[in-house]
């Protein structure tokens, strides 16, 4: 085999995660369901991640983006400069996108020239009995003897490009919920006993199936103090995308309560586990 053939053979052995990350600055925006503007989650500024407000000076007006959800094709958009929400969240920044579209699902906007979806992301049926059993077992381990298991979202994707799929399970139940017309339940001010929210990552590591907890809130006993109610937290999967072009798909999650939300981006590798790389949020 000649040198060119050896080089091509070596390249073929590289997983997508072995690619070099994007040069320059790659902003990451999140557009929530029913919104037409984006929140700045942060930027990849090679060789580091920057969360707001350090990321703000790196995000320029007229930046082209590709916007995509967990399902459906990506579409183009152009973003403006970040604008602070001011009080009570001066470190939370919005970015206007053109053309304006009301999102029908949570969308992630990445730099237009990046291949943010190098491998398929597949939504699985919420009726899957295997993952219902996984959630039930986790809740019982946390003290709920007879949980009302409700699966909100099951997503399958090869996050790190090693040829093995990971599965992310979002499950939540709230006895009282606001925004009943929304796709996923929104926790009310007062938590009820039996309420829960789980976000789990299922993976195969060294031939064994492993469950990693991305977020968990389980209410065993509601508060009786009117002035200090026990708030629910809802952990949600917002997106799966390669945010910096290195072939490794990040997991974008949120945890929200009645009047606040935190957004996070995570990398995951079988040997290393989870690592948070970006974070922002707003709440009162």
Protein backbone atom coordinates (compact mmCIF):
# COMPACT_ATOMS: atom_id res chain seq x y z
CA UNK A 1 0.00 0.00 0.00
CA UNK A 2 1.40 3.45 -0.91
CA UNK A 3 1.63 6.39 1.51
CA UNK A 4 -1.68 7.88 0.32
CA UNK A 5 -3.42 4.56 0.93
CA UNK A 6 -1.93 4.29 4.42
CA UNK A 7 -3.07 7.82 5.22
CA UNK A 8 -6.63 7.12 4.06
CA UNK A 9 -6.70 3.89 6.06
CA UNK A 10 -5.54 5.71 9.20
CA UNK A 11 -8.21 8.38 8.69
CA UNK A 12 -10.88 5.71 8.39
CA UNK A 13 -10.02 4.48 11.89
CA UNK A 14 -10.65 7.86 13.48
CA UNK A 15 -14.01 8.29 15.16
CA UNK A 16 -15.83 11.58 14.55
CA UNK A 17 -14.88 12.61 18.09
CA UNK A 18 -11.23 12.65 17.00
CA UNK A 19 -11.81 15.57 14.65
CA UNK A 20 -10.24 18.94 15.38
CA UNK A 21 -12.69 21.39 16.93
CA UNK A 22 -13.73 24.46 14.99
CA UNK A 23 -11.36 27.38 14.82
CA UNK A 24 -12.58 30.84 15.79
CA UNK A 25 -15.73 31.48 17.77
CA UNK A 26 -18.82 29.25 17.60
CA UNK A 27 -21.84 30.70 19.47
CA UNK A 28 -24.55 28.45 20.89
CA UNK A 29 -28.15 29.72 21.17
CA UNK A 30 -31.28 28.07 22.56
CA UNK A 31 -34.80 28.95 21.37
CA UNK A 32 -37.48 27.59 23.70
CA UNK A 33 -40.77 26.18 22.49
CA UNK A 34 -43.25 28.98 21.63
CA UNK A 35 -40.50 31.66 21.65
CA UNK A 36 -39.23 33.61 18.63
CA UNK A 37 -35.98 34.82 20.20
CA UNK A 38 -32.92 32.95 21.46
CA UNK A 39 -30.99 32.77 24.71
CA UNK A 40 -27.20 32.83 24.55
CA UNK A 41 -25.90 29.65 26.19
CA UNK A 42 -22.25 30.46 25.45
CA UNK A 43 -19.53 30.08 22.83
CA UNK A 44 -16.75 27.77 21.82
CA UNK A 45 -13.70 30.03 21.54
CA UNK A 46 -10.99 27.58 20.51
CA UNK A 47 -9.60 25.98 22.66
CA UNK A 48 -12.10 26.82 25.45
CA UNK A 49 -15.79 27.15 26.28
CA UNK A 50 -17.10 30.48 27.55
CA UNK A 51 -20.43 30.97 29.32
CA UNK A 52 -22.15 34.38 29.57
CA UNK A 53 -21.17 37.08 30.30
CA UNK A 54 -17.62 36.21 29.13
CA UNK A 55 -19.09 34.91 25.86
CA UNK A 56 -20.94 38.12 24.98
CA UNK A 57 -18.05 40.08 23.37
CA UNK A 58 -17.38 37.10 21.09
CA UNK A 59 -20.88 37.07 19.55
CA UNK A 60 -21.15 39.42 16.59
CA UNK A 61 -24.19 40.78 14.79
CA UNK A 62 -25.02 39.24 11.40
CA UNK A 63 -23.63 35.83 12.39
CA UNK A 64 -25.22 33.07 10.26
CA UNK A 65 -26.65 30.08 12.15
CA UNK A 66 -28.27 26.75 11.45
CA UNK A 67 -31.27 26.19 13.74
CA UNK A 68 -32.51 22.66 14.45
CA UNK A 69 -34.60 20.71 16.93
CA UNK A 70 -34.40 17.11 18.03
CA UNK A 71 -36.53 16.30 14.99
CA UNK A 72 -36.92 17.92 11.59
CA UNK A 73 -34.45 19.60 9.23
CA UNK A 74 -32.19 22.51 10.09
CA UNK A 75 -33.04 25.99 8.79
CA UNK A 76 -30.91 29.08 8.32
CA UNK A 77 -31.06 32.26 10.39
CA UNK A 78 -29.00 35.36 11.08
CA UNK A 79 -28.43 36.53 14.63
CA UNK A 80 -28.04 39.95 16.19
CA UNK A 81 -25.85 41.09 19.06
CA UNK A 82 -26.58 39.76 22.57
CA UNK A 83 -28.81 41.98 24.73
CA UNK A 84 -28.99 41.62 28.51
CA UNK A 85 -32.33 40.91 30.14
CA UNK A 86 -31.24 43.33 32.88
CA UNK A 87 -32.92 43.05 36.30
CA UNK A 88 -33.37 40.45 37.70
CA UNK A 89 -31.05 38.60 35.26
CA UNK A 90 -28.30 40.92 34.02
CA UNK A 91 -26.07 37.97 33.05
CA UNK A 92 -28.77 36.35 30.87
CA UNK A 93 -28.67 37.47 27.25
CA UNK A 94 -31.13 37.27 24.37
CA UNK A 95 -30.27 37.22 20.67
CA UNK A 96 -32.80 38.18 18.00
CA UNK A 97 -32.92 35.91 14.95
CA UNK A 98 -34.04 36.74 11.42
CA UNK A 99 -36.29 35.58 9.94
CA UNK A 100 -38.39 35.44 13.10
CA UNK A 101 -40.12 32.11 13.64
CA UNK A 102 -42.15 30.91 16.61
CA UNK A 103 -40.49 27.65 17.65
CA UNK A 104 -42.72 24.58 17.77
CA UNK A 105 -40.10 22.70 19.76
CA UNK A 106 -36.91 23.74 21.54
CA UNK A 107 -34.27 24.61 18.95
CA UNK A 108 -30.49 24.85 19.11
CA UNK A 109 -28.69 27.37 16.89
CA UNK A 110 -25.07 26.68 15.96
CA UNK A 111 -22.61 28.35 13.61
CA UNK A 112 -23.86 27.74 10.08
CA UNK A 113 -20.68 26.11 8.76
CA UNK A 114 -20.51 23.46 11.49
CA UNK A 115 -21.83 19.94 10.98
CA UNK A 116 -23.82 19.99 14.19
CA UNK A 117 -25.66 16.72 13.47
CA UNK A 118 -22.88 14.30 12.38
CA UNK A 119 -24.99 11.25 13.29
CA UNK A 120 -28.74 10.61 13.55
CA UNK A 121 -30.74 11.68 16.59
CA UNK A 122 -33.85 9.51 16.84
CA UNK A 123 -36.98 10.08 18.93
CA UNK A 124 -38.32 6.78 20.31
CA UNK A 125 -41.93 6.07 21.37
CA UNK A 126 -42.73 7.16 24.92
CA UNK A 127 -44.59 3.90 25.44
CA UNK A 128 -41.35 1.86 25.46
CA UNK A 129 -41.73 -0.64 28.35
CA UNK A 130 -37.97 -1.09 28.83
CA UNK A 131 -37.41 2.57 29.65
CA UNK A 132 -40.56 2.78 31.75
CA UNK A 133 -39.05 0.01 33.86
CA UNK A 134 -35.74 1.90 34.09
CA UNK A 135 -37.50 5.03 35.35
CA UNK A 136 -39.66 3.08 37.79
CA UNK A 137 -36.61 1.36 39.27
CA UNK A 138 -34.76 4.67 39.68
CA UNK A 139 -37.75 6.29 41.40
CA UNK A 140 -38.22 3.33 43.73
CA UNK A 141 -34.52 3.47 44.55
CA UNK A 142 -35.10 7.10 45.56
CA UNK A 143 -38.00 6.27 47.85
CA UNK A 144 -41.18 6.43 45.69
CA UNK A 145 -42.81 3.05 46.27
CA UNK A 146 -45.54 3.30 43.61
CA UNK A 147 -44.56 6.12 41.21
CA UNK A 148 -46.85 7.47 38.48
CA UNK A 149 -44.35 6.92 35.66
CA UNK A 150 -44.77 9.35 32.77
CA UNK A 151 -42.17 9.38 30.00
CA UNK A 152 -41.87 12.73 28.23
CA UNK A 153 -39.07 12.05 25.76
CA UNK A 154 -36.74 9.20 24.76
CA UNK A 155 -33.86 10.01 22.41
CA UNK A 156 -31.29 7.65 20.89
CA UNK A 157 -27.98 8.89 19.46
CA UNK A 158 -24.33 7.90 19.20
CA UNK A 159 -22.93 10.83 21.16
CA UNK A 160 -19.22 10.14 20.90
CA UNK A 161 -19.04 8.44 17.51
CA UNK A 162 -17.84 5.05 18.76
CA UNK A 163 -20.57 3.13 16.93
CA UNK A 164 -22.64 2.45 20.08
CA UNK A 165 -25.85 4.36 20.74
CA UNK A 166 -26.70 6.13 23.97
CA UNK A 167 -30.28 6.73 25.11
CA UNK A 168 -31.51 9.79 27.02
CA UNK A 169 -34.74 9.43 28.98
CA UNK A 170 -36.79 12.38 30.20
CA UNK A 171 -39.58 11.54 32.65
CA UNK A 172 -41.70 13.74 34.90
CA UNK A 173 -44.99 13.80 36.75
CA UNK A 174 -46.62 16.73 38.56
CA UNK A 175 -49.97 16.35 40.31
CA UNK A 176 -50.56 20.05 39.63
CA UNK A 177 -49.24 21.62 36.45
CA UNK A 178 -49.50 24.98 34.71
CA UNK A 179 -49.47 25.46 30.95
CA UNK A 180 -51.45 22.32 30.18
CA UNK A 181 -51.50 23.18 26.47
CA UNK A 182 -47.70 22.93 26.29
CA UNK A 183 -46.00 19.74 25.02
CA UNK A 184 -44.49 18.96 28.44
CA UNK A 185 -45.93 19.57 31.92
CA UNK A 186 -44.78 22.68 33.79
CA UNK A 187 -44.50 22.41 37.58
CA UNK A 188 -46.77 24.59 39.69
CA UNK A 189 -45.64 26.58 42.73
CA UNK A 190 -46.40 23.86 45.28
CA UNK A 191 -45.00 20.37 44.87
CA UNK A 192 -47.11 17.37 45.80
CA UNK A 193 -45.86 14.12 47.28
CA UNK A 194 -45.10 11.77 44.41
CA UNK A 195 -44.06 14.49 41.97
CA UNK A 196 -40.79 13.81 40.20
CA UNK A 197 -38.53 14.75 37.33
CA UNK A 198 -35.73 12.55 36.00
CA UNK A 199 -33.23 12.92 33.18
CA UNK A 200 -31.20 9.76 32.62
CA UNK A 201 -28.47 8.70 30.20
CA UNK A 202 -28.23 5.00 29.35
CA UNK A 203 -24.96 3.79 27.85
CA UNK A 204 -22.86 0.68 27.36
CA UNK A 205 -19.47 0.95 29.07
CA UNK A 206 -17.06 -1.99 29.00
CA UNK A 207 -19.89 -4.26 27.91
CA UNK A 208 -22.17 -3.25 30.79
CA UNK A 209 -25.31 -1.09 30.62
CA UNK A 210 -24.87 1.98 32.82
CA UNK A 211 -27.36 4.63 33.95
CA UNK A 212 -26.00 8.14 34.50
CA UNK A 213 -28.23 10.73 36.18
CA UNK A 214 -28.29 14.08 34.37
CA UNK A 215 -30.85 15.49 36.79
CA UNK A 216 -33.27 14.25 39.45
CA UNK A 217 -35.88 15.78 41.72
CA UNK A 218 -38.18 13.45 43.66
CA UNK A 219 -40.77 14.74 46.13
CA UNK A 220 -41.34 12.31 48.99
CA UNK A 221 -43.14 14.82 51.19
CA UNK A 222 -44.73 18.15 50.27
CA UNK A 223 -44.11 21.24 52.39
CA UNK A 224 -46.92 22.45 54.65
CA UNK A 225 -45.34 25.90 55.05
CA UNK A 226 -47.35 28.33 52.89
CA UNK A 227 -44.59 30.93 53.06
CA UNK A 228 -41.89 28.45 51.99
CA UNK A 229 -43.45 25.99 49.54
CA UNK A 230 -41.53 22.97 48.31
CA UNK A 231 -40.88 23.87 44.64
CA UNK A 232 -40.65 21.30 41.90
CA UNK A 233 -37.68 21.17 39.55
CA UNK A 234 -38.24 19.94 35.99
CA UNK A 235 -35.19 18.51 34.24
CA UNK A 236 -35.56 18.55 30.45
CA UNK A 237 -33.59 17.48 27.43
CA UNK A 238 -33.46 20.50 25.11
CA UNK A 239 -31.11 19.36 22.36
CA UNK A 240 -28.37 17.06 21.10
CA UNK A 241 -25.84 18.65 18.75
CA UNK A 242 -22.14 19.03 18.04
CA UNK A 243 -21.67 22.58 19.30
CA UNK A 244 -18.01 23.04 18.39
CA UNK A 245 -17.44 20.82 15.34
CA UNK A 246 -15.22 18.18 16.95
CA UNK A 247 -17.52 15.26 16.09
CA UNK A 248 -18.68 14.83 19.70
CA UNK A 249 -22.35 15.71 20.21
CA UNK A 250 -23.11 17.70 23.35
CA UNK A 251 -26.26 17.31 25.44
CA UNK A 252 -28.20 20.52 26.14
CA UNK A 253 -30.43 20.36 29.22
CA UNK A 254 -32.50 22.68 31.37
CA UNK A 255 -33.72 22.61 34.92
CA UNK A 256 -36.66 24.88 35.59
CA UNK A 257 -38.94 25.83 38.44
CA UNK A 258 -42.00 28.08 38.68
CA UNK A 259 -40.17 31.34 37.91
CA UNK A 260 -36.72 30.38 36.70
CA UNK A 261 -34.60 28.25 34.40
CA UNK A 262 -30.98 27.12 34.08
CA UNK A 263 -29.49 25.96 30.78
CA UNK A 264 -26.48 23.65 30.58
CA UNK A 265 -24.40 21.95 27.89
CA UNK A 266 -22.58 18.70 28.68
CA UNK A 267 -19.98 16.55 26.98
CA UNK A 268 -20.00 12.82 27.64
CA UNK A 269 -17.38 10.13 27.04
CA UNK A 270 -17.61 6.51 28.23
CA UNK A 271 -14.37 6.61 30.22
CA UNK A 272 -14.67 10.15 31.54
CA UNK A 273 -18.41 10.50 32.05
CA UNK A 274 -20.23 13.84 32.09
CA UNK A 275 -18.58 17.25 32.04
CA UNK A 276 -20.50 20.53 32.10
CA UNK A 277 -19.06 22.97 29.55
CA UNK A 278 -21.63 25.80 29.37
CA UNK A 279 -24.19 27.28 31.77
CA UNK A 280 -26.59 30.22 31.92
CA UNK A 281 -29.96 30.98 33.44
CA UNK A 282 -32.51 33.41 34.79
CA UNK A 283 -34.83 33.31 37.78
CA UNK A 284 -36.35 35.14 40.71
